[in-house]
């Protein structure tokens, strides 16, 4: 059911968590900050960070409980032979099984550990009934479908704006991408969607624990891209003054902020796969807390510089750095 995993250092594991949390969702935050106001947005992002961290601790504690439960069941299966097992298994024993894991004097504290990877789906098999398991799998599939759709749409849209000669989104469906070819921007967008599915799709079958160098390369490129955007925004503010004048708070913009920040700290579904290989699991809550605080500060820095540097924030913040937008913003 559960498998032993390879180990890596805590720093590598935290890099995995950073890459998992910080994705294209960060590029939609500046628009949310502009809509809801910079101060109100900061408060909500900090609150979201705290709630997400608390949920992470719940997931980690659930992993430890699942490991202990699985170990207890394994021990019990060796104590009771098959003939006795047929007579003992009953509804009452099933109900008291989880109580026994706590009350049994032979269950030791060290049985509650994170050494063995137990995925969320495995935990649902341990703790939930058939109906709840079906609901859990359905919700997880719906979430992953939405997550992949957002990533694919964001990446394809960015590639279209980078590769096409024009960047006018008003005629996205009817405007040609290149004047010399009879390809419209919407057609190029669909081609990019297919290419992304073909190129990125196979990574679904890879073991994330064996992609250390890919993760490190992604981490460096991600930090570089975001730092460049922050640097350009700060330079624009210092050179031309604030172009954007967002409100401190705007209640009407909260739905937009929630929509753009819903994925900001989403990592709980992959925590079991990333935590188990940590070579040193001491102070795991502290390490993850520091990681999430850094991400929260990073989000705020990226968004605050953006809302004051640009008068109009695009749906994807990267689109504000396309040459046409920069020229219109007096950045040339």
C-alpha atoms as a PDB file:
ATOM      1  CA  UNK A   1       0.000   0.000   0.000  1.00  0.00           C
ATOM      2  CA  UNK A   2       2.669   2.494   1.060  1.00  0.00           C
ATOM      3  CA  UNK A   3       6.152   2.508  -0.339  1.00  0.00           C
ATOM      4  CA  UNK A   4       9.515   3.516   0.983  1.00  0.00           C
ATOM      5  CA  UNK A   5      10.925   6.545  -0.758  1.00  0.00           C
ATOM      6  CA  UNK A   6      14.296   7.967  -1.616  1.00  0.00           C
ATOM      7  CA  UNK A   7      15.519  10.817   0.551  1.00  0.00           C
ATOM      8  CA  UNK A   8      16.768  14.312  -0.176  1.00  0.00           C
ATOM      9  CA  UNK A   9      17.889  17.228   1.967  1.00  0.00           C
ATOM     10  CA  UNK A  10      15.454  19.624   3.578  1.00  0.00           C
ATOM     11  CA  UNK A  11      16.628  22.449   1.311  1.00  0.00           C
ATOM     12  CA  UNK A  12      15.836  20.435  -1.799  1.00  0.00           C
ATOM     13  CA  UNK A  13      12.453  19.526  -0.342  1.00  0.00           C
ATOM     14  CA  UNK A  14      11.658  23.155   0.421  1.00  0.00           C
ATOM     15  CA  UNK A  15      12.607  24.031  -3.170  1.00  0.00           C
ATOM     16  CA  UNK A  16      10.086  21.419  -4.321  1.00  0.00           C
ATOM     17  CA  UNK A  17       7.422  22.991  -2.107  1.00  0.00           C
ATOM     18  CA  UNK A  18       8.283  26.468  -3.401  1.00  0.00           C
ATOM     19  CA  UNK A  19       7.961  25.315  -7.012  1.00  0.00           C
ATOM     20  CA  UNK A  20       4.684  23.623  -6.160  1.00  0.00           C
ATOM     21  CA  UNK A  21       3.139  26.714  -4.574  1.00  0.00           C
ATOM     22  CA  UNK A  22       4.514  29.502  -6.778  1.00  0.00           C
ATOM     23  CA  UNK A  23       3.106  29.078 -10.262  1.00  0.00           C
ATOM     24  CA  UNK A  24       1.096  31.016 -12.798  1.00  0.00           C
ATOM     25  CA  UNK A  25      -1.348  31.930 -10.037  1.00  0.00           C
ATOM     26  CA  UNK A  26       1.155  34.504  -8.817  1.00  0.00           C
ATOM     27  CA  UNK A  27       0.869  36.305 -12.156  1.00  0.00           C
ATOM     28  CA  UNK A  28      -2.822  37.042 -11.559  1.00  0.00           C
ATOM     29  CA  UNK A  29      -2.326  38.539  -8.091  1.00  0.00           C
ATOM     30  CA  UNK A  30      -1.396  42.098  -9.213  1.00  0.00           C
ATOM     31  CA  UNK A  31      -4.772  42.474 -10.929  1.00  0.00           C
ATOM     32  CA  UNK A  32      -6.464  41.254  -7.752  1.00  0.00           C
ATOM     33  CA  UNK A  33      -4.492  43.783  -5.698  1.00  0.00           C
ATOM     34  CA  UNK A  34      -5.526  46.563  -8.083  1.00  0.00           C
ATOM     35  CA  UNK A  35      -9.192  45.576  -7.802  1.00  0.00           C
ATOM     36  CA  UNK A  36      -9.458  45.069  -4.028  1.00  0.00           C
ATOM     37  CA  UNK A  37      -6.976  47.732  -2.933  1.00  0.00           C
ATOM     38  CA  UNK A  38      -3.372  47.248  -1.925  1.00  0.00           C
ATOM     39  CA  UNK A  39      -3.847  47.283   1.882  1.00  0.00           C
ATOM     40  CA  UNK A  40      -6.935  45.068   1.991  1.00  0.00           C
ATOM     41  CA  UNK A  41      -5.257  42.662  -0.423  1.00  0.00           C
ATOM     42  CA  UNK A  42      -2.169  42.406   1.773  1.00  0.00           C
ATOM     43  CA  UNK A  43      -4.303  41.597   4.810  1.00  0.00           C
ATOM     44  CA  UNK A  44      -6.249  38.917   2.947  1.00  0.00           C
ATOM     45  CA  UNK A  45      -3.101  37.358   1.461  1.00  0.00           C
ATOM     46  CA  UNK A  46      -1.463  37.143   4.893  1.00  0.00           C
ATOM     47  CA  UNK A  47      -4.654  35.601   6.296  1.00  0.00           C
ATOM     48  CA  UNK A  48      -4.785  33.117   3.422  1.00  0.00           C
ATOM     49  CA  UNK A  49      -1.141  32.214   4.036  1.00  0.00           C
ATOM     50  CA  UNK A  50      -1.846  31.526   7.712  1.00  0.00           C
ATOM     51  CA  UNK A  51      -4.942  29.406   7.018  1.00  0.00           C
ATOM     52  CA  UNK A  52      -3.074  27.427   4.353  1.00  0.00           C
ATOM     53  CA  UNK A  53      -0.199  26.768   6.755  1.00  0.00           C
ATOM     54  CA  UNK A  54      -2.622  25.520   9.416  1.00  0.00           C
ATOM     55  CA  UNK A  55      -4.154  23.167   6.849  1.00  0.00           C
ATOM     56  CA  UNK A  56      -0.657  21.927   5.963  1.00  0.00           C
ATOM     57  CA  UNK A  57      -0.082  21.014   9.612  1.00  0.00           C
ATOM     58  CA  UNK A  58      -3.377  19.097   9.594  1.00  0.00           C
ATOM     59  CA  UNK A  59      -2.257  17.148   6.526  1.00  0.00           C
ATOM     60  CA  UNK A  60       1.102  16.288   8.111  1.00  0.00           C
ATOM     61  CA  UNK A  61      -0.560  15.125  11.326  1.00  0.00           C
ATOM     62  CA  UNK A  62      -2.959  13.023   9.255  1.00  0.00           C
ATOM     63  CA  UNK A  63       0.007  11.384   7.519  1.00  0.00           C
ATOM     64  CA  UNK A  64       1.503  10.461  10.891  1.00  0.00           C
ATOM     65  CA  UNK A  65      -1.822   9.043  12.087  1.00  0.00           C
ATOM     66  CA  UNK A  66      -2.227   7.070   8.860  1.00  0.00           C
ATOM     67  CA  UNK A  67       1.262   5.592   9.242  1.00  0.00           C
ATOM     68  CA  UNK A  68       0.476   4.515  12.811  1.00  0.00           C
ATOM     69  CA  UNK A  69      -2.893   3.061  11.805  1.00  0.00           C
ATOM     70  CA  UNK A  70      -1.374   1.083   8.940  1.00  0.00           C
ATOM     71  CA  UNK A  71       1.370  -0.224  11.218  1.00  0.00           C
ATOM     72  CA  UNK A  72      -1.166  -1.216  13.891  1.00  0.00           C
ATOM     73  CA  UNK A  73      -3.275  -3.088  11.356  1.00  0.00           C
ATOM     74  CA  UNK A  74      -0.183  -4.837  10.058  1.00  0.00           C
ATOM     75  CA  UNK A  75       0.740  -5.989  13.574  1.00  0.00           C
ATOM     76  CA  UNK A  76      -2.792  -7.179  14.283  1.00  0.00           C
ATOM     77  CA  UNK A  77      -2.901  -9.164  11.052  1.00  0.00           C
ATOM     78  CA  UNK A  78       0.152 -11.121  12.212  1.00  0.00           C
ATOM     79  CA  UNK A  79      -1.339 -11.811  15.653  1.00  0.00           C
ATOM     80  CA  UNK A  80      -4.629 -13.235  14.460  1.00  0.00           C
ATOM     81  CA  UNK A  81      -4.670 -16.277  12.206  1.00  0.00           C
ATOM     82  CA  UNK A  82      -7.136 -16.630   9.387  1.00  0.00           C
ATOM     83  CA  UNK A  83      -9.648 -18.759  11.266  1.00  0.00           C
ATOM     84  CA  UNK A  84      -9.821 -16.368  14.189  1.00  0.00           C
ATOM     85  CA  UNK A  85      -9.915 -13.405  11.859  1.00  0.00           C
ATOM     86  CA  UNK A  86     -13.147 -14.604  10.238  1.00  0.00           C
ATOM     87  CA  UNK A  87     -14.890 -14.794  13.612  1.00  0.00           C
ATOM     88  CA  UNK A  88     -13.540 -11.534  15.051  1.00  0.00           C
ATOM     89  CA  UNK A  89     -14.097  -9.173  12.164  1.00  0.00           C
ATOM     90  CA  UNK A  90     -17.327  -7.368  12.936  1.00  0.00           C
ATOM     91  CA  UNK A  91     -18.854  -3.964  12.821  1.00  0.00           C
ATOM     92  CA  UNK A  92     -18.012  -3.202  16.450  1.00  0.00           C
ATOM     93  CA  UNK A  93     -14.339  -3.963  15.945  1.00  0.00           C
ATOM     94  CA  UNK A  94     -14.243  -1.754  12.881  1.00  0.00           C
ATOM     95  CA  UNK A  95     -15.620   1.157  14.899  1.00  0.00           C
ATOM     96  CA  UNK A  96     -13.168   0.686  17.773  1.00  0.00           C
ATOM     97  CA  UNK A  97     -10.133   0.220  15.549  1.00  0.00           C
ATOM     98  CA  UNK A  98      -9.108   3.861  15.503  1.00  0.00           C
ATOM     99  CA  UNK A  99      -9.661   4.093  19.269  1.00  0.00           C
ATOM    100  CA  UNK A 100      -7.359   1.138  19.825  1.00  0.00           C
ATOM    101  CA  UNK A 101      -4.512   2.867  18.039  1.00  0.00           C
ATOM    102  CA  UNK A 102      -4.514   5.427  20.846  1.00  0.00           C
ATOM    103  CA  UNK A 103      -5.441   3.212  23.779  1.00  0.00           C
ATOM    104  CA  UNK A 104      -3.241   0.245  22.976  1.00  0.00           C
ATOM    105  CA  UNK A 105      -0.235   0.448  25.282  1.00  0.00           C
ATOM    106  CA  UNK A 106       1.956  -1.229  22.699  1.00  0.00           C
ATOM    107  CA  UNK A 107       1.385   1.563  20.208  1.00  0.00           C
ATOM    108  CA  UNK A 108       4.401   3.783  20.626  1.00  0.00           C
ATOM    109  CA  UNK A 109       4.854   7.424  19.869  1.00  0.00           C
ATOM    110  CA  UNK A 110       7.459   6.630  17.241  1.00  0.00           C
ATOM    111  CA  UNK A 111       4.814   4.804  15.208  1.00  0.00           C
ATOM    112  CA  UNK A 112       3.355   8.222  14.419  1.00  0.00           C
ATOM    113  CA  UNK A 113       6.002   9.191  11.865  1.00  0.00           C
ATOM    114  CA  UNK A 114       6.414  10.570   8.354  1.00  0.00           C
ATOM    115  CA  UNK A 115       8.956   8.020   7.130  1.00  0.00           C
ATOM    116  CA  UNK A 116       6.559   6.208   4.807  1.00  0.00           C
ATOM    117  CA  UNK A 117       4.744   8.038   2.042  1.00  0.00           C
ATOM    118  CA  UNK A 118       0.975   7.846   2.434  1.00  0.00           C
ATOM    119  CA  UNK A 119      -0.872   9.792  -0.256  1.00  0.00           C
ATOM    120  CA  UNK A 120      -4.197  11.518   0.325  1.00  0.00           C
ATOM    121  CA  UNK A 121      -6.005   8.822  -1.627  1.00  0.00           C
ATOM    122  CA  UNK A 122      -4.432   6.151   0.576  1.00  0.00           C
ATOM    123  CA  UNK A 123      -5.467   8.074   3.677  1.00  0.00           C
ATOM    124  CA  UNK A 124      -9.021   8.225   2.370  1.00  0.00           C
ATOM    125  CA  UNK A 125      -8.956   4.426   2.087  1.00  0.00           C
ATOM    126  CA  UNK A 126      -7.764   4.187   5.698  1.00  0.00           C
ATOM    127  CA  UNK A 127     -10.102   6.664   7.374  1.00  0.00           C
ATOM    128  CA  UNK A 128     -13.160   7.099   5.142  1.00  0.00           C
ATOM    129  CA  UNK A 129     -16.079   4.982   4.016  1.00  0.00           C
ATOM    130  CA  UNK A 130     -16.863   4.166   0.399  1.00  0.00           C
ATOM    131  CA  UNK A 131     -19.207   7.106  -0.196  1.00  0.00           C
ATOM    132  CA  UNK A 132     -16.818   9.714   1.185  1.00  0.00           C
ATOM    133  CA  UNK A 133     -13.941   8.166  -0.784  1.00  0.00           C
ATOM    134  CA  UNK A 134     -15.904   8.485  -4.027  1.00  0.00           C
ATOM    135  CA  UNK A 135     -16.667  12.122  -3.223  1.00  0.00           C
ATOM    136  CA  UNK A 136     -13.010  12.768  -2.378  1.00  0.00           C
ATOM    137  CA  UNK A 137     -11.750  11.289  -5.660  1.00  0.00           C
ATOM    138  CA  UNK A 138     -14.332  13.287  -7.632  1.00  0.00           C
ATOM    139  CA  UNK A 139     -13.366  16.584  -5.995  1.00  0.00           C
ATOM    140  CA  UNK A 140      -9.656  15.872  -6.462  1.00  0.00           C
ATOM    141  CA  UNK A 141     -10.130  15.126 -10.172  1.00  0.00           C
ATOM    142  CA  UNK A 142     -12.158  18.313 -10.644  1.00  0.00           C
ATOM    143  CA  UNK A 143      -9.476  20.359  -8.889  1.00  0.00           C
ATOM    144  CA  UNK A 144      -6.650  18.878 -10.965  1.00  0.00           C
ATOM    145  CA  UNK A 145      -8.605  19.483 -14.180  1.00  0.00           C
ATOM    146  CA  UNK A 146      -9.130  23.134 -13.255  1.00  0.00           C
ATOM    147  CA  UNK A 147      -5.509  23.512 -12.191  1.00  0.00           C
ATOM    148  CA  UNK A 148      -4.160  22.098 -15.447  1.00  0.00           C
ATOM    149  CA  UNK A 149      -6.605  24.214 -17.466  1.00  0.00           C
ATOM    150  CA  UNK A 150      -5.360  27.405 -15.807  1.00  0.00           C
ATOM    151  CA  UNK A 151      -1.712  26.526 -16.400  1.00  0.00           C
ATOM    152  CA  UNK A 152      -2.311  25.536 -20.020  1.00  0.00           C
ATOM    153  CA  UNK A 153      -4.371  28.636 -20.829  1.00  0.00           C
ATOM    154  CA  UNK A 154      -1.915  31.008 -19.145  1.00  0.00           C
ATOM    155  CA  UNK A 155       1.146  29.511 -20.814  1.00  0.00           C
ATOM    156  CA  UNK A 156      -0.495  29.317 -24.251  1.00  0.00           C
ATOM    157  CA  UNK A 157      -1.734  32.913 -24.045  1.00  0.00           C
ATOM    158  CA  UNK A 158       1.734  34.138 -23.084  1.00  0.00           C
ATOM    159  CA  UNK A 159       3.358  32.226 -25.951  1.00  0.00           C
ATOM    160  CA  UNK A 160       0.844  33.703 -28.412  1.00  0.00           C
ATOM    161  CA  UNK A 161       1.625  37.248 -27.257  1.00  0.00           C
ATOM    162  CA  UNK A 162       5.354  36.582 -27.511  1.00  0.00           C
ATOM    163  CA  UNK A 163       5.347  34.919 -30.916  1.00  0.00           C
ATOM    164  CA  UNK A 164       2.697  36.907 -32.803  1.00  0.00           C
ATOM    165  CA  UNK A 165       3.485  40.216 -34.495  1.00  0.00           C
ATOM    166  CA  UNK A 166       0.568  41.995 -32.819  1.00  0.00           C
ATOM    167  CA  UNK A 167      -0.671  41.945 -29.242  1.00  0.00           C
ATOM    168  CA  UNK A 168      -4.148  43.459 -29.584  1.00  0.00           C
ATOM    169  CA  UNK A 169      -6.423  41.234 -27.500  1.00  0.00           C
ATOM    170  CA  UNK A 170      -9.577  42.955 -28.766  1.00  0.00           C
ATOM    171  CA  UNK A 171      -9.544  40.911 -31.986  1.00  0.00           C
ATOM    172  CA  UNK A 172      -7.978  37.754 -30.583  1.00  0.00           C
ATOM    173  CA  UNK A 173     -10.294  35.432 -32.538  1.00  0.00           C
ATOM    174  CA  UNK A 174     -10.158  37.266 -35.878  1.00  0.00           C
ATOM    175  CA  UNK A 175      -6.680  38.824 -35.992  1.00  0.00           C
ATOM    176  CA  UNK A 176      -3.877  37.097 -37.892  1.00  0.00           C
ATOM    177  CA  UNK A 177      -0.829  36.121 -35.910  1.00  0.00           C
ATOM    178  CA  UNK A 178       1.573  36.754 -38.793  1.00  0.00           C
ATOM    179  CA  UNK A 179       0.716  38.751 -41.897  1.00  0.00           C
ATOM    180  CA  UNK A 180       2.527  36.291 -44.172  1.00  0.00           C
ATOM    181  CA  UNK A 181       0.639  33.236 -42.886  1.00  0.00           C
ATOM    182  CA  UNK A 182      -3.073  32.551 -42.834  1.00  0.00           C
ATOM    183  CA  UNK A 183      -3.101  31.672 -39.156  1.00  0.00           C
ATOM    184  CA  UNK A 184      -5.245  33.529 -36.668  1.00  0.00           C
ATOM    185  CA  UNK A 185      -4.172  34.072 -33.084  1.00  0.00           C
ATOM    186  CA  UNK A 186      -6.866  31.744 -31.803  1.00  0.00           C
ATOM    187  CA  UNK A 187      -5.500  28.994 -34.090  1.00  0.00           C
ATOM    188  CA  UNK A 188      -1.957  29.520 -32.817  1.00  0.00           C
ATOM    189  CA  UNK A 189      -3.311  29.451 -29.276  1.00  0.00           C
ATOM    190  CA  UNK A 190      -4.905  26.049 -29.880  1.00  0.00           C
ATOM    191  CA  UNK A 191      -1.681  24.753 -31.427  1.00  0.00           C
ATOM    192  CA  UNK A 192       0.225  25.793 -28.314  1.00  0.00           C
ATOM    193  CA  UNK A 193      -2.354  24.056 -26.107  1.00  0.00           C
ATOM    194  CA  UNK A 194      -1.815  20.804 -28.023  1.00  0.00           C
ATOM    195  CA  UNK A 195       1.983  21.152 -27.914  1.00  0.00           C
ATOM    196  CA  UNK A 196       1.942  21.786 -24.174  1.00  0.00           C
ATOM    197  CA  UNK A 197      -0.214  18.707 -23.633  1.00  0.00           C
ATOM    198  CA  UNK A 198       2.184  16.590 -25.711  1.00  0.00           C
ATOM    199  CA  UNK A 199       5.365  17.953 -24.129  1.00  0.00           C
ATOM    200  CA  UNK A 200       4.308  18.364 -20.510  1.00  0.00           C
ATOM    201  CA  UNK A 201       1.787  15.526 -20.320  1.00  0.00           C
ATOM    202  CA  UNK A 202       4.377  12.713 -20.098  1.00  0.00           C
ATOM    203  CA  UNK A 203       5.790  14.288 -16.921  1.00  0.00           C
ATOM    204  CA  UNK A 204       2.618  13.064 -15.207  1.00  0.00           C
ATOM    205  CA  UNK A 205       4.105   9.572 -15.182  1.00  0.00           C
ATOM    206  CA  UNK A 206       7.481  10.665 -13.757  1.00  0.00           C
ATOM    207  CA  UNK A 207       8.554  10.388 -10.139  1.00  0.00           C
ATOM    208  CA  UNK A 208       8.799  13.910  -8.727  1.00  0.00           C
ATOM    209  CA  UNK A 209      11.501  12.754  -6.302  1.00  0.00           C
ATOM    210  CA  UNK A 210      13.805  11.996  -9.235  1.00  0.00           C
ATOM    211  CA  UNK A 211      13.535  15.432 -10.856  1.00  0.00           C
ATOM    212  CA  UNK A 212      15.926  17.229  -8.514  1.00  0.00           C
ATOM    213  CA  UNK A 213      17.931  18.957 -11.228  1.00  0.00           C
ATOM    214  CA  UNK A 214      14.810  19.920 -13.160  1.00  0.00           C
ATOM    215  CA  UNK A 215      13.335  21.359  -9.963  1.00  0.00           C
ATOM    216  CA  UNK A 216      16.484  23.376  -9.254  1.00  0.00           C
ATOM    217  CA  UNK A 217      16.571  24.686 -12.824  1.00  0.00           C
ATOM    218  CA  UNK A 218      12.899  25.641 -12.555  1.00  0.00           C
ATOM    219  CA  UNK A 219      13.533  27.359  -9.224  1.00  0.00           C
ATOM    220  CA  UNK A 220      16.364  29.469 -10.663  1.00  0.00           C
ATOM    221  CA  UNK A 221      14.383  30.436 -13.768  1.00  0.00           C
ATOM    222  CA  UNK A 222      11.296  31.267 -11.717  1.00  0.00           C
ATOM    223  CA  UNK A 223      13.191  33.458  -9.263  1.00  0.00           C
ATOM    224  CA  UNK A 224      15.004  35.153 -12.148  1.00  0.00           C
ATOM    225  CA  UNK A 225      11.777  35.939 -14.004  1.00  0.00           C
ATOM    226  CA  UNK A 226       9.982  37.306 -10.956  1.00  0.00           C
ATOM    227  CA  UNK A 227      12.982  39.329  -9.773  1.00  0.00           C
ATOM    228  CA  UNK A 228      13.281  40.867 -13.244  1.00  0.00           C
ATOM    229  CA  UNK A 229       9.615  41.897 -13.120  1.00  0.00           C
ATOM    230  CA  UNK A 230      10.019  43.388  -9.644  1.00  0.00           C
ATOM    231  CA  UNK A 231      13.199  45.206 -10.692  1.00  0.00           C
ATOM    232  CA  UNK A 232      11.589  46.653 -13.819  1.00  0.00           C
ATOM    233  CA  UNK A 233       8.545  47.786 -11.840  1.00  0.00           C
ATOM    234  CA  UNK A 234      10.710  49.462  -9.175  1.00  0.00           C
ATOM    235  CA  UNK A 235      12.811  51.133 -11.866  1.00  0.00           C
ATOM    236  CA  UNK A 236       9.674  52.390 -13.598  1.00  0.00           C
ATOM    237  CA  UNK A 237       8.362  53.871 -10.332  1.00  0.00           C
ATOM    238  CA  UNK A 238      11.675  55.551  -9.521  1.00  0.00           C
ATOM    239  CA  UNK A 239      12.098  56.876 -13.064  1.00  0.00           C
ATOM    240  CA  UNK A 240       8.577  58.093 -13.893  1.00  0.00           C
ATOM    241  CA  UNK A 241       6.807  58.033 -10.560  1.00  0.00           C
ATOM    242  CA  UNK A 242       3.781  55.889  -9.708  1.00  0.00           C
ATOM    243  CA  UNK A 243       1.612  55.366 -12.789  1.00  0.00           C
ATOM    244  CA  UNK A 244      -1.035  53.440 -10.884  1.00  0.00           C
ATOM    245  CA  UNK A 245      -3.065  54.909  -8.046  1.00  0.00           C
ATOM    246  CA  UNK A 246      -4.885  51.972  -6.440  1.00  0.00           C
ATOM    247  CA  UNK A 247      -7.191  52.414  -3.498  1.00  0.00           C
ATOM    248  CA  UNK A 248      -6.177  51.177  -0.073  1.00  0.00           C
ATOM    249  CA  UNK A 249      -9.301  49.015   0.036  1.00  0.00           C
ATOM    250  CA  UNK A 250     -12.272  48.284  -2.184  1.00  0.00           C
ATOM    251  CA  UNK A 251     -14.809  45.738  -0.981  1.00  0.00           C
ATOM    252  CA  UNK A 252     -16.226  45.328  -4.487  1.00  0.00           C
ATOM    253  CA  UNK A 253     -12.885  43.958  -5.698  1.00  0.00           C
ATOM    254  CA  UNK A 254     -12.718  41.135  -3.150  1.00  0.00           C
ATOM    255  CA  UNK A 255     -14.274  38.526  -5.517  1.00  0.00           C
ATOM    256  CA  UNK A 256     -11.581  39.308  -8.100  1.00  0.00           C
ATOM    257  CA  UNK A 257      -8.869  38.966  -5.462  1.00  0.00           C
ATOM    258  CA  UNK A 258     -10.273  35.677  -4.202  1.00  0.00           C
ATOM    259  CA  UNK A 259     -10.447  34.343  -7.740  1.00  0.00           C
ATOM    260  CA  UNK A 260      -6.815  35.245  -8.410  1.00  0.00           C
ATOM    261  CA  UNK A 261      -5.476  34.077  -5.043  1.00  0.00           C
ATOM    262  CA  UNK A 262      -7.335  30.780  -4.703  1.00  0.00           C
ATOM    263  CA  UNK A 263      -4.262  28.880  -5.942  1.00  0.00           C
ATOM    264  CA  UNK A 264      -1.696  31.101  -4.216  1.00  0.00           C
ATOM    265  CA  UNK A 265      -0.793  28.647  -1.450  1.00  0.00           C
ATOM    266  CA  UNK A 266      -2.261  25.426  -2.810  1.00  0.00           C
ATOM    267  CA  UNK A 267       0.126  22.579  -2.010  1.00  0.00           C
ATOM    268  CA  UNK A 268      -1.803  20.269   0.304  1.00  0.00           C
ATOM    269  CA  UNK A 269      -2.549  17.574  -2.273  1.00  0.00           C
ATOM    270  CA  UNK A 270       1.181  16.973  -2.873  1.00  0.00           C
ATOM    271  CA  UNK A 271       2.477  17.373   0.683  1.00  0.00           C
ATOM    272  CA  UNK A 272       2.625  13.595   1.379  1.00  0.00           C
ATOM    273  CA  UNK A 273       4.734  12.997  -1.717  1.00  0.00           C
ATOM    274  CA  UNK A 274       7.164  15.809  -0.862  1.00  0.00           C
ATOM    275  CA  UNK A 275       7.482  15.430   2.909  1.00  0.00           C
ATOM    276  CA  UNK A 276       8.252  11.709   3.155  1.00  0.00           C
ATOM    277  CA  UNK A 277      11.668  11.926   1.406  1.00  0.00           C
ATOM    278  CA  UNK A 278      12.973  14.674   3.749  1.00  0.00           C
ATOM    279  CA  UNK A 279      16.207  13.335   5.255  1.00  0.00           C
ATOM    280  CA  UNK A 280      15.681  15.418   8.391  1.00  0.00           C
ATOM    281  CA  UNK A 281      12.078  15.851   9.461  1.00  0.00           C
ATOM    282  CA  UNK A 282      12.825  17.668  12.695  1.00  0.00           C
ATOM    283  CA  UNK A 283      11.195  21.099  12.917  1.00  0.00           C
ATOM    284  CA  UNK A 284       9.235  20.321   9.746  1.00  0.00           C
ATOM    285  CA  UNK A 285       6.501  22.787  10.698  1.00  0.00           C
ATOM    286  CA  UNK A 286       9.061  25.561  11.190  1.00  0.00           C
ATOM    287  CA  UNK A 287      10.729  24.873   7.842  1.00  0.00           C
ATOM    288  CA  UNK A 288       7.452  24.873   5.950  1.00  0.00           C
ATOM    289  CA  UNK A 289       6.307  27.961   7.851  1.00  0.00           C
ATOM    290  CA  UNK A 290       9.425  29.895   6.841  1.00  0.00           C
ATOM    291  CA  UNK A 291       8.950  28.727   3.250  1.00  0.00           C
ATOM    292  CA  UNK A 292       5.351  29.967   3.171  1.00  0.00           C
ATOM    293  CA  UNK A 293       6.272  33.285   4.816  1.00  0.00           C
ATOM    294  CA  UNK A 294       8.900  33.854   2.114  1.00  0.00           C
ATOM    295  CA  UNK A 295       6.323  33.096  -0.558  1.00  0.00           C
ATOM    296  CA  UNK A 296       3.810  35.459   1.066  1.00  0.00           C
ATOM    297  CA  UNK A 297       6.357  38.306   1.182  1.00  0.00           C
ATOM    298  CA  UNK A 298       7.286  37.530  -2.403  1.00  0.00           C
ATOM    299  CA  UNK A 299       3.641  37.731  -3.528  1.00  0.00           C
ATOM    300  CA  UNK A 300       3.149  41.061  -1.763  1.00  0.00           C
ATOM    301  CA  UNK A 301       6.347  42.530  -3.225  1.00  0.00           C
ATOM    302  CA  UNK A 302       5.440  41.439  -6.754  1.00  0.00           C
ATOM    303  CA  UNK A 303       1.885  42.770  -6.511  1.00  0.00           C
ATOM    304  CA  UNK A 304       2.572  46.060  -4.718  1.00  0.00           C
ATOM    305  CA  UNK A 305       5.292  47.095  -7.164  1.00  0.00           C
ATOM    306  CA  UNK A 306       3.011  46.144 -10.054  1.00  0.00           C
ATOM    307  CA  UNK A 307      -0.083  48.083  -9.001  1.00  0.00           C
ATOM    308  CA  UNK A 308       1.934  51.269  -8.479  1.00  0.00           C
ATOM    309  CA  UNK A 309       4.116  50.880 -11.578  1.00  0.00           C
ATOM    310  CA  UNK A 310       1.327  50.316 -14.130  1.00  0.00           C
ATOM    311  CA  UNK A 311      -1.914  52.181 -14.584  1.00  0.00           C
ATOM    312  CA  UNK A 312      -3.666  49.171 -16.125  1.00  0.00           C
ATOM    313  CA  UNK A 313      -2.839  45.680 -14.881  1.00  0.00           C
ATOM    314  CA  UNK A 314      -3.355  42.828 -17.358  1.00  0.00           C
ATOM    315  CA  UNK A 315      -5.000  39.545 -16.369  1.00  0.00           C
ATOM    316  CA  UNK A 316      -1.554  37.953 -16.541  1.00  0.00           C
ATOM    317  CA  UNK A 317       1.047  40.286 -15.083  1.00  0.00           C
ATOM    318  CA  UNK A 318       3.674  39.180 -17.620  1.00  0.00           C
ATOM    319  CA  UNK A 319       1.612  40.785 -20.389  1.00  0.00           C
ATOM    320  CA  UNK A 320       2.397  44.210 -18.909  1.00  0.00           C
ATOM    321  CA  UNK A 321       6.009  43.684 -19.945  1.00  0.00           C
ATOM    322  CA  UNK A 322       5.301  43.108 -23.639  1.00  0.00           C
ATOM    323  CA  UNK A 323       7.021  45.928 -25.632  1.00  0.00           C
ATOM    324  CA  UNK A 324       3.718  47.422 -26.836  1.00  0.00           C
ATOM    325  CA  UNK A 325       2.443  47.751 -23.268  1.00  0.00           C
ATOM    326  CA  UNK A 326       5.741  49.134 -22.048  1.00  0.00           C
ATOM    327  CA  UNK A 327       5.749  51.783 -24.762  1.00  0.00           C
ATOM    328  CA  UNK A 328       2.197  52.789 -23.904  1.00  0.00           C
ATOM    329  CA  UNK A 329       3.228  53.079 -20.256  1.00  0.00           C
ATOM    330  CA  UNK A 330       6.107  55.509 -20.921  1.00  0.00           C
ATOM    331  CA  UNK A 331       8.659  52.856 -20.077  1.00  0.00           C
ATOM    332  CA  UNK A 332      10.691  53.126 -23.251  1.00  0.00           C
END
